[in-house]
Structures are given as C-alpha cells and as structure tokens.
Amino acid sequence: MEKTRFKLLKSDLETQLAEIGKIFARIEKRKAIKEKIVLESLAYQLHNLYCAFEDLVKIIAGFFENNIEDKKKYHRELLWRMTVSVEGVRPSLLSAESFALLDSLRAFRHFFRHAYAYELDPKKVALVLDETLRLKALYKQDCRAFLEAVGTVRV
C-alpha cells in the first residue's frame, strides 16, 4: 500500500511538473515581445505559473499533512511549509532561494488578480520575469532532490 501511495504521489508530481514546464515555455515565447497585449499575456502566464506551483505544493501538503490554521496567510504559509523538513514524515521541497522567488511570484499573482483598475508596469513585470527565469533553473533540482529523499522516508 505504501509503495502504491508513493507511486501515485510521484505520478501526480510529474504531471504537475509537466504543466509547469509548458507554462515556462509560453513565458519564454512571450518574454522578448514588447507590445502591450503581449505584456498582459506574459503577466497572465506568470499568474498561471504561480498557480501551477501552488497546485504542486498542495499535492505534497495533501499527501503528507494539510492543516494550515491561519486562512488569511494560507498561500504564503503553504509555500513556507515546503521549506521545512518534517522528520519522519517528509523532506523539504523548496530551497530558501526557490521559496523567495516563489513568494515574489505569489505577490505578483495577488497583484495581478486584483489589479482591475491598474495598468501593468513593464519594468515590474520584467523584474518578476527575471526572478521567474532564475526559478526555472532551481525548481527541477528541488523537486528531484525531494523525490529522491522521499523514497527514503517512510510514507
């Protein structure tokens, strides 16, 4: 039973990582185009990327533990929890650097979701894009290390 649960977790994570990869590919296509409509499309993809990462984190939290008390800070708390290794339960998922980059992307997603009356600032989107591209180099390494370590932790 435990092996089956771990295989299901691994399959779910790999499926979500494939989705994250597709969103990164769309971001790469849009990053060099400077037209306003493309800037909005890029911002939308950055929003989607954070949501995909949060879904990845929810898969892990749901598998191992999932009780965040303060619902006002749910999104940040969920991310932060993935930086913590829980002895005998699960290893950490995120490095401190990945957490910081994802937390910045989370803040952008929050702004984007609630910015009905604001114009996007190309400089701010460019900053988030730069951070996101740094994240692209880190997240696979974090996930690979997590999956390797989880194989040695009793589930």
N, C-alpha and C. Protein backbone atom coordinates (compact mmCIF):
# COMPACT_ATOMS: atom_id res chain seq x y z
N MET A 1 0.82 -1.21 0.00
CA MET A 1 0.00 0.00 0.00
C MET A 1 0.86 1.26 0.00
N GLU A 2 1.92 1.27 0.84
CA GLU A 2 2.77 2.46 0.90
C GLU A 2 3.46 2.71 -0.43
N LYS A 3 3.92 1.64 -1.10
CA LYS A 3 4.57 1.81 -2.40
C LYS A 3 3.60 2.38 -3.42
N THR A 4 2.37 1.93 -3.38
CA THR A 4 1.35 2.42 -4.31
C THR A 4 1.08 3.90 -4.07
N ARG A 5 0.98 4.30 -2.82
CA ARG A 5 0.75 5.72 -2.49
C ARG A 5 1.91 6.58 -2.99
N PHE A 6 3.15 6.10 -2.79
CA PHE A 6 4.31 6.85 -3.24
C PHE A 6 4.32 6.96 -4.77
N LYS A 7 3.98 5.88 -5.45
CA LYS A 7 3.93 5.91 -6.92
C LYS A 7 2.88 6.91 -7.40
N LEU A 8 1.75 6.95 -6.72
CA LEU A 8 0.71 7.91 -7.07
C LEU A 8 1.19 9.34 -6.84
N LEU A 9 1.83 9.58 -5.71
CA LEU A 9 2.40 10.91 -5.44
C LEU A 9 3.39 11.29 -6.53
N LYS A 10 4.31 10.40 -6.85
CA LYS A 10 5.32 10.67 -7.87
C LYS A 10 4.66 10.97 -9.21
N SER A 11 3.65 10.22 -9.57
CA SER A 11 2.93 10.44 -10.82
C SER A 11 2.24 11.80 -10.83
N ASP A 12 1.58 12.14 -9.73
CA ASP A 12 0.92 13.44 -9.62
C ASP A 12 1.93 14.58 -9.73
N LEU A 13 3.06 14.43 -9.07
CA LEU A 13 4.09 15.48 -9.12
C LEU A 13 4.65 15.62 -10.52
N GLU A 14 4.93 14.50 -11.17
CA GLU A 14 5.47 14.56 -12.53
C GLU A 14 4.48 15.19 -13.50
N THR A 15 3.20 14.90 -13.34
CA THR A 15 2.17 15.50 -14.18
C THR A 15 2.13 17.01 -13.97
N GLN A 16 2.18 17.44 -12.70
CA GLN A 16 2.15 18.87 -12.40
C GLN A 16 3.42 19.56 -12.88
N LEU A 17 4.56 18.89 -12.76
CA LEU A 17 5.82 19.46 -13.25
C LEU A 17 5.79 19.63 -14.77
N ALA A 18 5.14 18.72 -15.47
CA ALA A 18 4.99 18.86 -16.93
C ALA A 18 4.16 20.10 -17.25
N GLU A 19 3.10 20.35 -16.47
CA GLU A 19 2.29 21.55 -16.67
C GLU A 19 3.11 22.81 -16.42
N ILE A 20 3.91 22.79 -15.37
CA ILE A 20 4.78 23.92 -15.07
C ILE A 20 5.74 24.16 -16.23
N GLY A 21 6.28 23.08 -16.79
CA GLY A 21 7.18 23.20 -17.94
C GLY A 21 6.49 23.84 -19.14
N LYS A 22 5.25 23.50 -19.39
CA LYS A 22 4.50 24.09 -20.51
C LYS A 22 4.30 25.59 -20.29
N ILE A 23 4.02 25.98 -19.06
CA ILE A 23 3.83 27.41 -18.78
C ILE A 23 5.14 28.16 -18.93
N PHE A 24 6.25 27.57 -18.46
CA PHE A 24 7.56 28.20 -18.67
C PHE A 24 7.83 28.37 -20.17
N ALA A 25 7.45 27.41 -21.00
CA ALA A 25 7.66 27.51 -22.44
C ALA A 25 6.85 28.69 -23.02
N ARG A 26 5.62 28.88 -22.56
CA ARG A 26 4.82 30.01 -23.03
C ARG A 26 5.45 31.33 -22.58
N ILE A 27 5.97 31.36 -21.37
CA ILE A 27 6.64 32.58 -20.88
C ILE A 27 7.86 32.88 -21.75
N GLU A 28 8.64 31.88 -22.06
CA GLU A 28 9.83 32.07 -22.90
C GLU A 28 9.46 32.67 -24.26
N LYS A 29 8.35 32.23 -24.84
CA LYS A 29 7.91 32.74 -26.15
C LYS A 29 7.54 34.21 -26.07
N ARG A 30 6.97 34.63 -24.95
CA ARG A 30 6.44 35.99 -24.85
C ARG A 30 7.45 37.01 -24.31
N LYS A 31 8.51 36.57 -23.70
CA LYS A 31 9.36 37.49 -22.94
C LYS A 31 10.05 38.57 -23.77
N ALA A 32 10.31 38.33 -25.03
CA ALA A 32 11.05 39.31 -25.83
C ALA A 32 10.16 40.30 -26.56
N ILE A 33 8.86 40.05 -26.60
CA ILE A 33 7.95 40.92 -27.35
C ILE A 33 7.49 42.05 -26.43
N LYS A 34 7.55 43.26 -26.92
CA LYS A 34 7.31 44.43 -26.07
C LYS A 34 5.92 45.05 -26.23
N GLU A 35 5.05 44.48 -27.03
CA GLU A 35 3.72 45.05 -27.23
C GLU A 35 2.88 44.89 -25.96
N LYS A 36 1.99 45.83 -25.72
CA LYS A 36 1.17 45.83 -24.50
C LYS A 36 0.36 44.54 -24.36
N ILE A 37 -0.24 44.09 -25.44
CA ILE A 37 -1.07 42.89 -25.37
C ILE A 37 -0.23 41.68 -24.98
N VAL A 38 1.01 41.66 -25.42
CA VAL A 38 1.89 40.55 -25.06
C VAL A 38 2.33 40.69 -23.61
N LEU A 39 2.52 41.91 -23.16
CA LEU A 39 2.85 42.13 -21.75
C LEU A 39 1.73 41.59 -20.86
N GLU A 40 0.49 41.84 -21.24
CA GLU A 40 -0.64 41.32 -20.48
C GLU A 40 -0.68 39.79 -20.54
N SER A 41 -0.38 39.25 -21.70
CA SER A 41 -0.35 37.80 -21.85
C SER A 41 0.78 37.19 -21.01
N LEU A 42 1.92 37.85 -20.99
CA LEU A 42 3.04 37.40 -20.18
C LEU A 42 2.67 37.44 -18.70
N ALA A 43 2.05 38.52 -18.27
CA ALA A 43 1.62 38.65 -16.86
C ALA A 43 0.63 37.54 -16.51
N TYR A 44 -0.27 37.23 -17.43
CA TYR A 44 -1.23 36.15 -17.22
C TYR A 44 -0.51 34.81 -17.07
N GLN A 45 0.51 34.57 -17.87
CA GLN A 45 1.27 33.32 -17.77
C GLN A 45 2.07 33.27 -16.46
N LEU A 46 2.58 34.40 -16.00
CA LEU A 46 3.26 34.43 -14.71
C LEU A 46 2.27 34.10 -13.59
N HIS A 47 1.07 34.65 -13.68
CA HIS A 47 -0.01 34.32 -12.75
C HIS A 47 -0.28 32.82 -12.78
N ASN A 48 -0.43 32.27 -13.98
CA ASN A 48 -0.70 30.83 -14.13
C ASN A 48 0.44 29.99 -13.58
N LEU A 49 1.66 30.44 -13.77
CA LEU A 49 2.81 29.68 -13.28
C LEU A 49 2.77 29.57 -11.76
N TYR A 50 2.50 30.69 -11.09
CA TYR A 50 2.40 30.59 -9.63
C TYR A 50 1.30 29.61 -9.23
N CYS A 51 0.15 29.72 -9.88
CA CYS A 51 -0.97 28.82 -9.55
C CYS A 51 -0.58 27.36 -9.75
N ALA A 52 0.18 27.07 -10.80
CA ALA A 52 0.64 25.69 -11.04
C ALA A 52 1.61 25.25 -9.95
N PHE A 53 2.49 26.13 -9.52
CA PHE A 53 3.39 25.78 -8.41
C PHE A 53 2.60 25.57 -7.13
N GLU A 54 1.61 26.40 -6.90
CA GLU A 54 0.81 26.22 -5.69
C GLU A 54 0.06 24.89 -5.74
N ASP A 55 -0.42 24.50 -6.90
CA ASP A 55 -1.07 23.19 -7.03
C ASP A 55 -0.09 22.07 -6.74
N LEU A 56 1.16 22.22 -7.17
CA LEU A 56 2.20 21.23 -6.88
C LEU A 56 2.39 21.10 -5.37
N VAL A 57 2.48 22.24 -4.70
CA VAL A 57 2.67 22.26 -3.25
C VAL A 57 1.46 21.66 -2.54
N LYS A 58 0.27 21.93 -3.05
CA LYS A 58 -0.95 21.36 -2.45
C LYS A 58 -0.97 19.84 -2.56
N ILE A 59 -0.44 19.31 -3.67
CA ILE A 59 -0.37 17.85 -3.82
C ILE A 59 0.48 17.27 -2.70
N ILE A 60 1.61 17.89 -2.45
CA ILE A 60 2.51 17.39 -1.40
C ILE A 60 1.90 17.58 -0.02
N ALA A 61 1.35 18.77 0.23
CA ALA A 61 0.74 19.04 1.54
C ALA A 61 -0.43 18.09 1.79
N GLY A 62 -1.22 17.83 0.76
CA GLY A 62 -2.35 16.92 0.91
C GLY A 62 -1.92 15.49 1.16
N PHE A 63 -0.78 15.11 0.63
CA PHE A 63 -0.28 13.75 0.80
C PHE A 63 0.28 13.53 2.21
N PHE A 64 1.00 14.52 2.71
CA PHE A 64 1.70 14.35 3.99
C PHE A 64 0.98 15.01 5.17
N GLU A 65 0.51 16.21 4.99
CA GLU A 65 -0.15 16.97 6.06
C GLU A 65 -0.86 18.13 5.40
N ASN A 66 -1.91 18.62 5.99
CA ASN A 66 -2.60 19.73 5.34
C ASN A 66 -3.49 20.47 6.32
N ASN A 67 -2.90 21.05 7.32
CA ASN A 67 -3.71 21.82 8.24
C ASN A 67 -3.02 23.15 8.55
N ILE A 68 -3.36 24.12 7.73
CA ILE A 68 -2.86 25.48 7.94
C ILE A 68 -3.98 26.23 8.64
N GLU A 69 -3.65 26.72 9.82
CA GLU A 69 -4.66 27.33 10.68
C GLU A 69 -5.10 28.71 10.20
N ASP A 70 -4.15 29.57 9.88
CA ASP A 70 -4.46 30.96 9.55
C ASP A 70 -4.78 31.08 8.06
N LYS A 71 -6.06 31.10 7.74
CA LYS A 71 -6.50 31.13 6.34
C LYS A 71 -6.14 32.46 5.65
N LYS A 72 -5.92 33.52 6.41
CA LYS A 72 -5.54 34.81 5.82
C LYS A 72 -4.14 34.72 5.20
N LYS A 73 -3.31 33.89 5.76
CA LYS A 73 -1.92 33.75 5.29
C LYS A 73 -1.71 32.40 4.60
N TYR A 74 -2.78 31.80 4.16
CA TYR A 74 -2.74 30.43 3.63
C TYR A 74 -1.69 30.25 2.53
N HIS A 75 -1.68 31.12 1.52
CA HIS A 75 -0.81 30.93 0.37
C HIS A 75 0.67 31.02 0.76
N ARG A 76 1.01 32.02 1.56
CA ARG A 76 2.41 32.17 1.97
C ARG A 76 2.81 31.05 2.93
N GLU A 77 1.93 30.70 3.84
CA GLU A 77 2.19 29.64 4.82
C GLU A 77 2.40 28.30 4.11
N LEU A 78 1.59 28.04 3.10
CA LEU A 78 1.71 26.80 2.34
C LEU A 78 3.08 26.73 1.68
N LEU A 79 3.52 27.81 1.07
CA LEU A 79 4.86 27.86 0.46
C LEU A 79 5.94 27.67 1.51
N TRP A 80 5.84 28.44 2.59
CA TRP A 80 6.87 28.39 3.63
C TRP A 80 7.00 26.98 4.19
N ARG A 81 5.87 26.32 4.38
CA ARG A 81 5.88 24.96 4.93
C ARG A 81 6.73 24.03 4.08
N MET A 82 6.81 24.28 2.79
CA MET A 82 7.58 23.41 1.90
C MET A 82 9.09 23.61 2.04
N THR A 83 9.50 24.61 2.81
CA THR A 83 10.94 24.80 3.07
C THR A 83 11.38 23.99 4.29
N VAL A 84 10.40 23.45 5.01
CA VAL A 84 10.68 22.76 6.27
C VAL A 84 10.66 21.25 6.05
N SER A 85 11.68 20.61 6.56
CA SER A 85 11.71 19.15 6.57
C SER A 85 11.03 18.68 7.84
N VAL A 86 10.11 17.74 7.71
CA VAL A 86 9.38 17.22 8.87
C VAL A 86 9.92 15.82 9.14
N GLU A 87 10.70 15.71 10.19
CA GLU A 87 11.39 14.46 10.50
C GLU A 87 10.42 13.28 10.56
N GLY A 88 10.76 12.24 9.82
CA GLY A 88 9.95 11.04 9.80
C GLY A 88 8.70 11.13 8.95
N VAL A 89 8.44 12.32 8.39
CA VAL A 89 7.23 12.50 7.58
C VAL A 89 7.60 12.79 6.13
N ARG A 90 8.35 13.89 5.93
CA ARG A 90 8.76 14.24 4.57
C ARG A 90 9.94 15.21 4.61
N PRO A 91 10.73 15.19 3.53
CA PRO A 91 11.80 16.18 3.43
C PRO A 91 11.23 17.52 2.97
N SER A 92 12.04 18.56 3.02
CA SER A 92 11.61 19.85 2.47
C SER A 92 11.56 19.74 0.95
N LEU A 93 10.75 20.55 0.35
CA LEU A 93 10.66 20.60 -1.11
C LEU A 93 11.46 21.77 -1.66
N LEU A 94 11.36 22.92 -1.02
CA LEU A 94 11.92 24.14 -1.57
C LEU A 94 13.18 24.60 -0.84
N SER A 95 14.15 25.02 -1.61
CA SER A 95 15.32 25.69 -1.04
C SER A 95 14.91 27.09 -0.63
N ALA A 96 15.72 27.74 0.17
CA ALA A 96 15.41 29.11 0.60
C ALA A 96 15.31 30.04 -0.61
N GLU A 97 16.17 29.85 -1.59
CA GLU A 97 16.14 30.70 -2.78
C GLU A 97 14.87 30.47 -3.60
N SER A 98 14.50 29.22 -3.78
CA SER A 98 13.26 28.92 -4.52
C SER A 98 12.06 29.51 -3.79
N PHE A 99 12.05 29.38 -2.46
CA PHE A 99 10.95 29.96 -1.68
C PHE A 99 10.85 31.46 -1.92
N ALA A 100 11.99 32.16 -1.84
CA ALA A 100 11.97 33.62 -2.02
C ALA A 100 11.45 34.00 -3.40
N LEU A 101 11.88 33.27 -4.42
CA LEU A 101 11.43 33.57 -5.79
C LEU A 101 9.95 33.26 -5.96
N LEU A 102 9.51 32.14 -5.41
CA LEU A 102 8.08 31.80 -5.49
C LEU A 102 7.22 32.76 -4.67
N ASP A 103 7.74 33.22 -3.54
CA ASP A 103 6.99 34.17 -2.73
C ASP A 103 6.82 35.49 -3.49
N SER A 104 7.84 35.91 -4.22
CA SER A 104 7.74 37.10 -5.03
C SER A 104 6.72 36.90 -6.16
N LEU A 105 6.74 35.72 -6.76
CA LEU A 105 5.77 35.39 -7.81
C LEU A 105 4.36 35.34 -7.23
N ARG A 106 4.24 34.84 -6.00
CA ARG A 106 2.94 34.82 -5.30
C ARG A 106 2.41 36.24 -5.12
N ALA A 107 3.28 37.15 -4.71
CA ALA A 107 2.86 38.54 -4.52
C ALA A 107 2.41 39.15 -5.84
N PHE A 108 3.13 38.84 -6.92
CA PHE A 108 2.73 39.34 -8.23
C PHE A 108 1.37 38.77 -8.63
N ARG A 109 1.18 37.48 -8.40
CA ARG A 109 -0.10 36.86 -8.73
C ARG A 109 -1.24 37.55 -7.98
N HIS A 110 -1.01 37.87 -6.72
CA HIS A 110 -2.02 38.56 -5.92
C HIS A 110 -2.33 39.93 -6.54
N PHE A 111 -1.28 40.67 -6.88
CA PHE A 111 -1.48 41.98 -7.52
C PHE A 111 -2.25 41.82 -8.83
N PHE A 112 -1.80 40.89 -9.67
CA PHE A 112 -2.40 40.70 -10.99
C PHE A 112 -3.88 40.34 -10.87
N ARG A 113 -4.21 39.51 -9.92
CA ARG A 113 -5.60 39.07 -9.73
C ARG A 113 -6.52 40.21 -9.29
N HIS A 114 -5.95 41.20 -8.63
CA HIS A 114 -6.77 42.26 -8.05
C HIS A 114 -6.52 43.63 -8.69
N ALA A 115 -5.81 43.66 -9.80
CA ALA A 115 -5.42 44.94 -10.42
C ALA A 115 -6.35 45.34 -11.56
N TYR A 116 -7.62 45.37 -11.29
CA TYR A 116 -8.60 45.69 -12.34
C TYR A 116 -8.42 47.09 -12.87
N ALA A 117 -8.09 48.02 -12.02
CA ALA A 117 -8.05 49.43 -12.43
C ALA A 117 -6.62 49.94 -12.65
N TYR A 118 -5.66 49.05 -12.71
CA TYR A 118 -4.26 49.47 -12.85
C TYR A 118 -3.69 48.97 -14.17
N GLU A 119 -2.79 49.76 -14.72
CA GLU A 119 -2.03 49.34 -15.88
C GLU A 119 -0.81 48.56 -15.38
N LEU A 120 -0.42 47.57 -16.12
CA LEU A 120 0.78 46.83 -15.77
C LEU A 120 2.00 47.69 -16.04
N ASP A 121 2.93 47.70 -15.14
CA ASP A 121 4.19 48.42 -15.29
C ASP A 121 5.19 47.46 -15.94
N PRO A 122 5.61 47.76 -17.17
CA PRO A 122 6.54 46.85 -17.86
C PRO A 122 7.82 46.58 -17.07
N LYS A 123 8.30 47.55 -16.31
CA LYS A 123 9.52 47.35 -15.53
C LYS A 123 9.28 46.35 -14.40
N LYS A 124 8.12 46.43 -13.76
CA LYS A 124 7.81 45.50 -12.69
C LYS A 124 7.59 44.09 -13.23
N VAL A 125 6.93 43.99 -14.37
CA VAL A 125 6.74 42.68 -14.99
C VAL A 125 8.09 42.10 -15.38
N ALA A 126 8.99 42.95 -15.89
CA ALA A 126 10.33 42.49 -16.27
C ALA A 126 11.09 41.97 -15.05
N LEU A 127 10.93 42.63 -13.92
CA LEU A 127 11.59 42.19 -12.69
C LEU A 127 11.07 40.82 -12.27
N VAL A 128 9.75 40.65 -12.29
CA VAL A 128 9.15 39.36 -11.93
C VAL A 128 9.59 38.30 -12.93
N LEU A 129 9.66 38.65 -14.20
CA LEU A 129 10.11 37.71 -15.22
C LEU A 129 11.55 37.26 -14.95
N ASP A 130 12.44 38.19 -14.64
CA ASP A 130 13.83 37.83 -14.33
C ASP A 130 13.90 36.86 -13.15
N GLU A 131 13.14 37.15 -12.11
CA GLU A 131 13.12 36.26 -10.95
C GLU A 131 12.56 34.89 -11.32
N THR A 132 11.53 34.89 -12.14
CA THR A 132 10.89 33.64 -12.55
C THR A 132 11.86 32.79 -13.37
N LEU A 133 12.64 33.43 -14.23
CA LEU A 133 13.60 32.67 -15.02
C LEU A 133 14.73 32.12 -14.14
N ARG A 134 15.05 32.80 -13.05
CA ARG A 134 16.00 32.22 -12.08
C ARG A 134 15.38 31.01 -11.41
N LEU A 135 14.09 31.09 -11.13
CA LEU A 135 13.37 29.96 -10.52
C LEU A 135 13.39 28.75 -11.45
N LYS A 136 13.30 29.00 -12.73
CA LYS A 136 13.29 27.90 -13.71
C LYS A 136 14.52 27.02 -13.56
N ALA A 137 15.63 27.61 -13.23
CA ALA A 137 16.87 26.85 -13.06
C ALA A 137 16.90 26.07 -11.75
N LEU A 138 16.06 26.44 -10.80
CA LEU A 138 16.13 25.84 -9.46
C LEU A 138 15.07 24.78 -9.17
N TYR A 139 13.86 24.97 -9.67
CA TYR A 139 12.75 24.14 -9.20
C TYR A 139 12.91 22.67 -9.54
N LYS A 140 13.47 22.35 -10.70
CA LYS A 140 13.65 20.95 -11.07
C LYS A 140 14.63 20.26 -10.12
N GLN A 141 15.67 20.99 -9.78
CA GLN A 141 16.66 20.47 -8.83
C GLN A 141 16.02 20.21 -7.47
N ASP A 142 15.20 21.15 -7.00
CA ASP A 142 14.50 20.98 -5.72
C ASP A 142 13.58 19.76 -5.77
N CYS A 143 12.82 19.65 -6.85
CA CYS A 143 11.85 18.54 -6.97
C CYS A 143 12.56 17.19 -7.09
N ARG A 144 13.65 17.16 -7.83
CA ARG A 144 14.42 15.91 -7.97
C ARG A 144 14.96 15.48 -6.60
N ALA A 145 15.51 16.42 -5.86
CA ALA A 145 16.04 16.10 -4.53
C ALA A 145 14.93 15.64 -3.60
N PHE A 146 13.77 16.27 -3.69
CA PHE A 146 12.62 15.88 -2.87
C PHE A 146 12.20 14.45 -3.18
N LEU A 147 12.04 14.14 -4.46
CA LEU A 147 11.61 12.81 -4.84
C LEU A 147 12.62 11.74 -4.43
N GLU A 148 13.90 12.04 -4.56
CA GLU A 148 14.92 11.10 -4.12
C GLU A 148 14.85 10.89 -2.61
N ALA A 149 14.71 11.98 -1.87
CA ALA A 149 14.67 11.89 -0.41
C ALA A 149 13.39 11.22 0.08
N VAL A 150 12.28 11.49 -0.59
CA VAL A 150 11.01 10.92 -0.16
C VAL A 150 11.04 9.39 -0.30
N GLY A 151 11.84 8.90 -1.22
CA GLY A 151 11.98 7.46 -1.37
C GLY A 151 12.63 6.81 -0.17
N THR A 152 13.33 7.61 0.63
CA THR A 152 13.99 7.06 1.82
C THR A 152 13.23 7.36 3.09
N VAL A 153 12.17 8.15 2.99
CA VAL A 153 11.36 8.50 4.16
C VAL A 153 10.15 7.56 4.18
N ARG A 154 9.82 7.08 5.33
CA ARG A 154 8.62 6.24 5.45
C ARG A 154 7.38 7.06 5.21
N VAL A 155 6.55 6.57 4.34
CA VAL A 155 5.30 7.26 4.00
C VAL A 155 4.15 6.52 4.62
